[in-house]
Amino acid sequence: MTDNLILFVAAGLLLNLTPGPDVVYIVTNALKSGFRAGAVAALGIVAGCFVHILGAAIGLSALIAASATLFTVLKYLGAAYLIYLGFRMLMSARPAALGATEAPGRTLGQVFWRGFATNALNPKVALFFLAFVPQFIAPEADNKILAFILLGLVFNFNSVFVNVGYAAAAASLAARAAPVRSAMHWIERGAGVLFIGFGIRLATASFAKA
């Protein structure tokens, strides 16, 4: 069991390091508004994961995977939200003073909840937990639901360090590199294009069901 846990942690860390919509959201907020905004974005992303951990543990993710209608609805909701965030980034006004702790017109609460929704509305995350975590649960485990939740918590706990690390690295880069600070506005627009691309890819993706 110890070997399986170590393997689970290692695989989870590698998966968390893989760039995607979550990483783009964290890095963009840290580059534009500093470490605190990036860290809050990271915590919002992590909070969204709890929805999928609990949903998968009680069978909600399995229901979504089995129901084409439910899965399609959630897929398009997630895609629409990613595209919405992308357009918000594209249309954002140039900040008056780069490097401030908060972006104009955006509170840390908004940063958190947008990060939460980015993750919670992504059905790919739900299916990921449903497919990934059970591989590390021993067949003889007395309470598989509890084991699933505990492994999910371990995954989420480790992801905090990775995501906050991304925020710290991006904020440090923005603070030390004048060309990066001057390009914040265009970096956010580039992130907006990426988010729109992520949304379109999610909307057009097909997922084979086991």
Protein backbone atom coordinates (compact mmCIF):
# COMPACT_ATOMS: atom_id res chain seq x y z
CA MET A 1 0.00 0.00 0.00
CA THR A 2 2.90 2.36 0.76
CA ASP A 3 4.36 1.77 -2.68
CA ASN A 4 0.99 2.49 -4.25
CA LEU A 5 0.66 5.72 -2.27
CA ILE A 6 4.11 6.89 -3.33
CA LEU A 7 3.28 6.09 -6.95
CA PHE A 8 -0.04 7.91 -6.60
CA VAL A 9 1.65 11.03 -5.20
CA ALA A 10 4.34 10.99 -7.92
CA ALA A 11 1.79 10.56 -10.71
CA GLY A 12 -0.41 13.27 -9.22
CA LEU A 13 2.46 15.75 -9.03
CA LEU A 14 3.37 15.12 -12.66
CA LEU A 15 -0.25 15.59 -13.71
CA ASN A 16 -0.52 18.83 -11.74
CA LEU A 17 2.62 20.15 -13.43
CA THR A 18 1.03 19.66 -16.86
CA PRO A 19 -0.11 23.05 -18.26
CA GLY A 20 -3.82 23.49 -18.92
CA PRO A 21 -6.63 25.99 -18.31
CA ASP A 22 -5.99 25.92 -14.56
CA VAL A 23 -2.29 26.76 -14.89
CA VAL A 24 -3.02 29.48 -17.46
CA TYR A 25 -5.56 31.06 -15.10
CA ILE A 26 -3.16 31.01 -12.13
CA VAL A 27 -0.17 32.33 -14.07
CA THR A 28 -2.18 35.09 -15.75
CA ASN A 29 -3.49 36.41 -12.43
CA ALA A 30 -0.03 36.24 -10.83
CA LEU A 31 1.64 38.01 -13.75
CA LYS A 32 -0.92 40.77 -13.87
CA SER A 33 -1.76 41.28 -10.19
CA GLY A 34 1.00 39.71 -8.12
CA PHE A 35 1.52 36.64 -5.99
CA ARG A 36 -1.53 37.11 -3.77
CA ALA A 37 -3.93 37.09 -6.74
CA GLY A 38 -2.14 34.06 -8.22
CA ALA A 39 -2.29 32.19 -4.91
CA VAL A 40 -6.01 32.98 -4.52
CA ALA A 41 -6.59 31.75 -8.08
CA ALA A 42 -4.74 28.55 -7.17
CA LEU A 43 -6.90 28.04 -4.09
CA GLY A 44 -10.02 28.54 -6.20
CA ILE A 45 -8.82 25.87 -8.63
CA VAL A 46 -8.11 23.48 -5.75
CA ALA A 47 -11.54 24.17 -4.22
CA GLY A 48 -13.14 23.25 -7.54
CA CYS A 49 -11.41 19.87 -7.38
CA PHE A 50 -13.28 19.05 -4.17
CA VAL A 51 -16.54 19.10 -6.14
CA HIS A 52 -15.22 16.36 -8.42
CA ILE A 53 -13.70 14.32 -5.59
CA LEU A 54 -16.98 14.22 -3.70
CA GLY A 55 -19.00 13.77 -6.88
CA ALA A 56 -16.90 10.83 -8.01
CA ALA A 57 -16.94 9.29 -4.54
CA ILE A 58 -20.74 9.24 -4.39
CA GLY A 59 -21.12 8.13 -7.99
CA LEU A 60 -22.09 11.44 -9.58
CA SER A 61 -19.20 11.29 -12.02
CA ALA A 62 -20.15 7.73 -12.96
CA LEU A 63 -23.70 8.92 -13.62
CA ILE A 64 -22.42 11.74 -15.81
CA ALA A 65 -20.16 9.33 -17.69
CA ALA A 66 -23.08 6.94 -18.25
CA SER A 67 -25.60 9.60 -19.27
CA ALA A 68 -24.87 11.22 -22.62
CA THR A 69 -27.35 14.02 -21.89
CA LEU A 70 -25.94 14.96 -18.49
CA PHE A 71 -22.39 14.76 -19.73
CA THR A 72 -23.15 16.87 -22.80
CA VAL A 73 -24.87 19.56 -20.71
CA LEU A 74 -21.96 19.78 -18.28
CA LYS A 75 -19.44 19.74 -21.12
CA TYR A 76 -21.07 22.69 -22.85
CA LEU A 77 -21.47 24.60 -19.58
CA GLY A 78 -17.77 24.19 -18.90
CA ALA A 79 -16.85 25.14 -22.47
CA ALA A 80 -19.07 28.23 -22.36
CA TYR A 81 -17.50 29.36 -19.10
CA LEU A 82 -13.95 28.96 -20.44
CA ILE A 83 -14.87 30.95 -23.56
CA TYR A 84 -16.54 33.60 -21.38
CA LEU A 85 -13.37 33.96 -19.30
CA GLY A 86 -11.33 34.17 -22.50
CA PHE A 87 -13.41 37.05 -23.84
CA ARG A 88 -13.23 38.82 -20.47
CA MET A 89 -9.44 38.65 -20.69
CA LEU A 90 -9.44 39.86 -24.30
CA MET A 91 -11.65 42.84 -23.44
CA SER A 92 -9.89 43.83 -20.21
CA ALA A 93 -8.74 47.42 -19.85
CA ARG A 94 -5.06 48.25 -19.57
CA PRO A 95 -4.20 48.56 -15.86
CA ALA A 96 -3.05 51.97 -14.71
CA ALA A 97 -0.30 50.59 -12.48
CA LEU A 98 1.10 47.15 -13.17
CA GLY A 99 2.26 45.11 -10.21
CA ALA A 100 -0.58 46.18 -7.92
CA THR A 101 -1.88 43.51 -5.59
CA GLU A 102 -5.24 43.44 -7.32
CA ALA A 103 -6.33 44.08 -10.87
CA PRO A 104 -8.67 47.04 -11.31
CA GLY A 105 -12.31 46.02 -11.06
CA ARG A 106 -11.48 42.49 -9.89
CA THR A 107 -11.54 41.53 -6.25
CA LEU A 108 -9.70 38.56 -4.81
CA GLY A 109 -13.10 36.99 -4.17
CA GLN A 110 -13.89 37.18 -7.87
CA VAL A 111 -10.50 35.69 -8.71
CA PHE A 112 -11.23 32.80 -6.33
CA TRP A 113 -14.72 32.02 -7.58
CA ARG A 114 -13.76 32.24 -11.24
CA GLY A 115 -10.98 29.76 -10.55
CA PHE A 116 -13.44 27.54 -8.70
CA ALA A 117 -15.91 27.61 -11.60
CA THR A 118 -13.17 26.99 -14.18
CA ASN A 119 -12.44 23.67 -12.50
CA ALA A 120 -15.85 22.68 -11.13
CA LEU A 121 -17.55 23.09 -14.53
CA ASN A 122 -14.97 21.01 -16.41
CA PRO A 123 -16.30 17.45 -16.96
CA LYS A 124 -12.84 16.29 -18.01
CA VAL A 125 -11.74 16.78 -14.39
CA ALA A 126 -14.68 14.67 -13.17
CA LEU A 127 -13.81 11.84 -15.53
CA PHE A 128 -10.13 12.17 -14.62
CA PHE A 129 -10.81 11.48 -10.95
CA LEU A 130 -13.19 8.65 -11.84
CA ALA A 131 -10.56 6.98 -14.04
CA PHE A 132 -7.35 7.81 -12.15
CA VAL A 133 -8.01 7.40 -8.43
CA PRO A 134 -9.61 3.90 -8.38
CA GLN A 135 -6.41 2.42 -9.83
CA PHE A 136 -4.72 3.06 -6.47
CA ILE A 137 -7.45 1.61 -4.24
CA ALA A 138 -6.73 -1.92 -3.06
CA PRO A 139 -9.44 -4.43 -4.10
CA GLU A 140 -9.60 -5.66 -0.50
CA ALA A 141 -10.20 -2.16 0.94
CA ASP A 142 -13.10 -2.27 3.42
CA ASN A 143 -14.45 1.18 2.56
CA LYS A 144 -13.66 2.11 -1.03
CA ILE A 145 -15.58 5.40 -0.87
CA LEU A 146 -13.53 6.54 2.13
CA ALA A 147 -10.34 5.41 0.36
CA PHE A 148 -11.36 7.38 -2.73
CA ILE A 149 -11.99 10.53 -0.71
CA LEU A 150 -8.70 10.21 1.18
CA LEU A 151 -6.71 9.73 -2.03
CA GLY A 152 -8.54 12.69 -3.55
CA LEU A 153 -7.59 14.81 -0.55
CA VAL A 154 -3.95 13.75 -0.93
CA PHE A 155 -4.06 14.70 -4.61
CA ASN A 156 -5.60 18.08 -3.79
CA PHE A 157 -3.17 18.74 -0.93
CA ASN A 158 -0.19 18.15 -3.22
CA SER A 159 -1.72 20.26 -5.97
CA VAL A 160 -1.75 23.28 -3.64
CA PHE A 161 2.06 23.35 -3.62
CA VAL A 162 2.30 22.98 -7.40
CA ASN A 163 -0.31 25.63 -8.14
CA VAL A 164 0.98 28.13 -5.59
CA GLY A 165 4.46 27.44 -6.96
CA TYR A 166 3.27 28.46 -10.42
CA ALA A 167 1.85 31.66 -8.88
CA ALA A 168 5.11 32.42 -7.06
CA ALA A 169 7.24 31.82 -10.17
CA ALA A 170 5.01 34.00 -12.35
CA ALA A 171 4.85 36.82 -9.79
CA SER A 172 8.63 36.72 -9.34
CA LEU A 173 9.13 36.93 -13.09
CA ALA A 174 6.78 39.90 -13.35
CA ALA A 175 8.49 41.70 -10.45
CA ARG A 176 12.02 41.29 -11.81
CA ALA A 177 11.59 41.61 -15.54
CA ALA A 178 10.56 45.07 -16.76
CA PRO A 179 9.70 43.83 -20.28
CA VAL A 180 7.31 41.30 -18.76
CA ARG A 181 5.65 43.95 -16.59
CA SER A 182 5.17 46.20 -19.59
CA ALA A 183 3.66 43.33 -21.56
CA MET A 184 1.11 42.28 -18.90
CA HIS A 185 -1.79 43.62 -20.95
CA TRP A 186 -0.83 41.56 -23.97
CA ILE A 187 -0.03 38.50 -21.90
CA GLU A 188 -3.58 38.57 -20.54
CA ARG A 189 -4.92 38.85 -24.07
CA GLY A 190 -2.81 35.86 -25.09
CA ALA A 191 -4.22 33.94 -22.12
CA GLY A 192 -7.70 34.96 -23.26
CA VAL A 193 -7.07 33.41 -26.67
CA LEU A 194 -5.84 30.24 -24.94
CA PHE A 195 -8.98 30.06 -22.78
CA ILE A 196 -11.20 30.44 -25.83
CA GLY A 197 -9.21 27.66 -27.48
CA PHE A 198 -9.58 25.45 -24.39
CA GLY A 199 -13.34 26.08 -24.42
CA ILE A 200 -13.71 25.26 -28.10
CA ARG A 201 -11.63 22.11 -27.68
CA LEU A 202 -13.77 21.01 -24.73
CA ALA A 203 -17.01 21.74 -26.62
CA THR A 204 -15.89 19.71 -29.65
CA ALA A 205 -14.20 16.88 -27.75
CA SER A 206 -15.69 13.41 -27.69
CA PHE A 207 -14.99 11.10 -24.77
CA ALA A 208 -15.08 7.38 -25.15
CA LYS A 209 -16.91 5.68 -22.34
CA ALA A 210 -15.56 2.45 -20.96
